[in-house]
Structure formats: C-alpha cells, structure tokens
Amino acid sequence: MLQFRFEAEVIHWRGPSPFFFAPIPAYHSEEIRRVSKLVTYGWGVIPVEAQIGGVVFRTSLFPKDEIYLLPLKVDVRRKTNITAGDPVCVDMTIRPAQR
C-alpha cells in the first residue's frame, strides 16, 4: 500500500453533478499511475482511505488531466467545515480494490 501526505486547495466541479475535490499533486499522481493497474477496479478509478482534519473516509480517486482528484463527500466537508478554495492537508493510503 502506498501512503501519501499532501496539501491542496479544494476545487468545485459543477459537472452534471456538483462535487468538491482535492487535486493530488503531480509528483504523487505519477506514483499513483505506476500502481494503478494493480489497484484499480475499472475506468482508472483508484480506491483510497483518506483523512482530513481527523475525519477518516473511503472513496476513489478519479484520473483527470494527468493528475488524480480526491472526491470530498458532503459528509466529510460538513464535518471538517471545508469548501472550495480552502487549503486542506490530506493523509491518504491507496487500497487494493475489493472484488
């Protein structure tokens, strides 16, 4: 399992369904890409466990424009009181896909 710590600025994606993300820095995205085939469960999506402000959650990274995006669920944002433009410190562990 790979573990990372990074800081990011929360972004808002309006898309067909609005969502908030923490962009993974490019240098970590390169490492994630190297193991992606071993851990993805399809479509390049990577399962992770992350922690922000003491809140631990499981989600999946999405590939986007040479980096990955960490989705920030509504429940996580409410508990940590974060929104678009806020800086976050993330501890994250890549998890093998559960089939």
C-alpha atoms as a PDB file:
ATOM      1  CA  MET A   1       0.000   0.000   0.000  1.00  0.00           C
ATOM      2  CA  LEU A   2       1.188   3.490  -0.815  1.00  0.00           C
ATOM      3  CA  GLN A   3       0.770   6.295   1.683  1.00  0.00           C
ATOM      4  CA  PHE A   4       0.868   9.994   0.903  1.00  0.00           C
ATOM      5  CA  ARG A   5       0.563  13.305   2.695  1.00  0.00           C
ATOM      6  CA  PHE A   6      -0.148  16.381   0.651  1.00  0.00           C
ATOM      7  CA  GLU A   7      -1.690  19.823   0.756  1.00  0.00           C
ATOM      8  CA  ALA A   8      -4.182  21.039  -1.816  1.00  0.00           C
ATOM      9  CA  GLU A   9      -6.730  23.757  -2.437  1.00  0.00           C
ATOM     10  CA  VAL A  10     -10.292  22.420  -2.638  1.00  0.00           C
ATOM     11  CA  ILE A  11     -11.891  22.888  -6.051  1.00  0.00           C
ATOM     12  CA  HIS A  12     -15.556  22.829  -7.070  1.00  0.00           C
ATOM     13  CA  TRP A  13     -16.580  20.979 -10.223  1.00  0.00           C
ATOM     14  CA  ARG A  14     -20.018  21.882 -11.468  1.00  0.00           C
ATOM     15  CA  GLY A  15     -20.314  18.951 -13.899  1.00  0.00           C
ATOM     16  CA  PRO A  16     -23.667  17.274 -14.302  1.00  0.00           C
ATOM     17  CA  SER A  17     -23.484  16.602 -10.566  1.00  0.00           C
ATOM     18  CA  PRO A  18     -21.707  19.247  -8.448  1.00  0.00           C
ATOM     19  CA  PHE A  19     -18.805  17.943  -6.385  1.00  0.00           C
ATOM     20  CA  PHE A  20     -15.752  19.102  -4.491  1.00  0.00           C
ATOM     21  CA  PHE A  21     -12.257  17.675  -4.922  1.00  0.00           C
ATOM     22  CA  ALA A  22      -8.724  17.941  -3.560  1.00  0.00           C
ATOM     23  CA  PRO A  23      -6.357  17.722  -6.557  1.00  0.00           C
ATOM     24  CA  ILE A  24      -3.456  15.324  -5.960  1.00  0.00           C
ATOM     25  CA  PRO A  25      -0.086  16.993  -6.702  1.00  0.00           C
ATOM     26  CA  ALA A  26       1.532  15.876  -9.955  1.00  0.00           C
ATOM     27  CA  TYR A  27       4.515  14.233  -8.218  1.00  0.00           C
ATOM     28  CA  HIS A  28       2.158  11.933  -6.260  1.00  0.00           C
ATOM     29  CA  SER A  29      -0.022  11.357  -9.320  1.00  0.00           C
ATOM     30  CA  GLU A  30       2.981   9.867 -11.132  1.00  0.00           C
ATOM     31  CA  GLU A  31       3.460   7.321  -8.330  1.00  0.00           C
ATOM     32  CA  ILE A  32      -0.256   6.506  -8.302  1.00  0.00           C
ATOM     33  CA  ARG A  33      -0.253   5.994 -12.072  1.00  0.00           C
ATOM     34  CA  ARG A  34       2.578   3.443 -11.709  1.00  0.00           C
ATOM     35  CA  VAL A  35       0.482   1.232  -9.406  1.00  0.00           C
ATOM     36  CA  SER A  36      -2.910   1.999 -10.918  1.00  0.00           C
ATOM     37  CA  LYS A  37      -3.230  -1.256 -12.872  1.00  0.00           C
ATOM     38  CA  LEU A  38      -2.650  -3.246  -9.680  1.00  0.00           C
ATOM     39  CA  VAL A  39      -5.317  -1.478  -7.617  1.00  0.00           C
ATOM     40  CA  THR A  40      -7.982  -0.095  -9.959  1.00  0.00           C
ATOM     41  CA  TYR A  41     -11.391  -1.684 -10.164  1.00  0.00           C
ATOM     42  CA  GLY A  42     -12.010  -0.198 -13.616  1.00  0.00           C
ATOM     43  CA  TRP A  43     -12.039   3.081 -15.552  1.00  0.00           C
ATOM     44  CA  GLY A  44      -8.762   4.118 -13.896  1.00  0.00           C
ATOM     45  CA  VAL A  45     -10.508   4.697 -10.560  1.00  0.00           C
ATOM     46  CA  ILE A  46      -8.248   4.069  -7.533  1.00  0.00           C
ATOM     47  CA  PRO A  47      -9.678   3.100  -4.094  1.00  0.00           C
ATOM     48  CA  VAL A  48      -8.230   5.045  -1.154  1.00  0.00           C
ATOM     49  CA  GLU A  49      -8.669   5.756   2.516  1.00  0.00           C
ATOM     50  CA  ALA A  50      -8.087   9.407   3.366  1.00  0.00           C
ATOM     51  CA  GLN A  51      -8.037  11.614   6.421  1.00  0.00           C
ATOM     52  CA  ILE A  52      -8.676  15.346   6.603  1.00  0.00           C
ATOM     53  CA  GLY A  53      -8.904  17.189   9.899  1.00  0.00           C
ATOM     54  CA  GLY A  54      -9.342  13.984  11.893  1.00  0.00           C
ATOM     55  CA  VAL A  55     -12.133  12.695   9.623  1.00  0.00           C
ATOM     56  CA  VAL A  56     -11.299   9.324   8.028  1.00  0.00           C
ATOM     57  CA  PHE A  57     -13.196   8.267   4.899  1.00  0.00           C
ATOM     58  CA  ARG A  58     -13.007   5.852   1.979  1.00  0.00           C
ATOM     59  CA  THR A  59     -13.506   6.946  -1.593  1.00  0.00           C
ATOM     60  CA  SER A  60     -11.910   6.535  -5.014  1.00  0.00           C
ATOM     61  CA  LEU A  61      -9.548   8.811  -6.914  1.00  0.00           C
ATOM     62  CA  PHE A  62     -10.550   9.923 -10.395  1.00  0.00           C
ATOM     63  CA  PRO A  63      -7.980  10.489 -13.145  1.00  0.00           C
ATOM     64  CA  LYS A  64      -8.228  13.969 -14.683  1.00  0.00           C
ATOM     65  CA  ASP A  65      -5.751  15.747 -16.971  1.00  0.00           C
ATOM     66  CA  GLU A  66      -2.567  13.917 -15.886  1.00  0.00           C
ATOM     67  CA  ILE A  67      -3.402  14.088 -12.159  1.00  0.00           C
ATOM     68  CA  TYR A  68      -5.935  12.485  -9.824  1.00  0.00           C
ATOM     69  CA  LEU A  69      -8.763  14.104  -7.913  1.00  0.00           C
ATOM     70  CA  LEU A  70      -9.778  13.103  -4.375  1.00  0.00           C
ATOM     71  CA  PRO A  71     -13.574  13.479  -4.047  1.00  0.00           C
ATOM     72  CA  LEU A  72     -14.731  15.211  -0.872  1.00  0.00           C
ATOM     73  CA  LYS A  73     -18.142  13.861   0.085  1.00  0.00           C
ATOM     74  CA  VAL A  74     -20.737  16.167   1.620  1.00  0.00           C
ATOM     75  CA  ASP A  75     -20.432  14.390   4.972  1.00  0.00           C
ATOM     76  CA  VAL A  76     -16.649  14.940   5.018  1.00  0.00           C
ATOM     77  CA  ARG A  77     -16.997  18.617   4.080  1.00  0.00           C
ATOM     78  CA  ARG A  78     -19.606  19.206   6.781  1.00  0.00           C
ATOM     79  CA  LYS A  79     -17.518  17.539   9.488  1.00  0.00           C
ATOM     80  CA  THR A  80     -14.374  19.460   8.505  1.00  0.00           C
ATOM     81  CA  ASN A  81     -16.148  22.693   7.524  1.00  0.00           C
ATOM     82  CA  ILE A  82     -14.311  22.973   4.189  1.00  0.00           C
ATOM     83  CA  THR A  83     -15.444  24.344   0.853  1.00  0.00           C
ATOM     84  CA  ALA A  84     -14.000  25.491  -2.493  1.00  0.00           C
ATOM     85  CA  GLY A  85     -10.803  27.499  -2.157  1.00  0.00           C
ATOM     86  CA  ASP A  86      -9.933  26.161   1.289  1.00  0.00           C
ATOM     87  CA  PRO A  87      -6.490  24.620   1.834  1.00  0.00           C
ATOM     88  CA  VAL A  88      -6.517  21.047   3.174  1.00  0.00           C
ATOM     89  CA  CYS A  89      -3.862  18.676   4.456  1.00  0.00           C
ATOM     90  CA  VAL A  90      -4.615  15.096   3.405  1.00  0.00           C
ATOM     91  CA  ASP A  91      -3.209  11.794   4.627  1.00  0.00           C
ATOM     92  CA  MET A  92      -4.095   9.134   2.083  1.00  0.00           C
ATOM     93  CA  THR A  93      -3.495   5.415   1.592  1.00  0.00           C
ATOM     94  CA  ILE A  94      -4.011   3.554  -1.694  1.00  0.00           C
ATOM     95  CA  ARG A  95      -6.084   0.428  -1.056  1.00  0.00           C
ATOM     96  CA  PRO A  96      -6.383  -2.660  -3.233  1.00  0.00           C
ATOM     97  CA  ALA A  97      -9.762  -2.968  -4.944  1.00  0.00           C
ATOM     98  CA  GLN A  98     -12.205  -5.244  -3.154  1.00  0.00           C
ATOM     99  CA  ARG A  99     -13.866  -7.567  -5.604  1.00  0.00           C
END
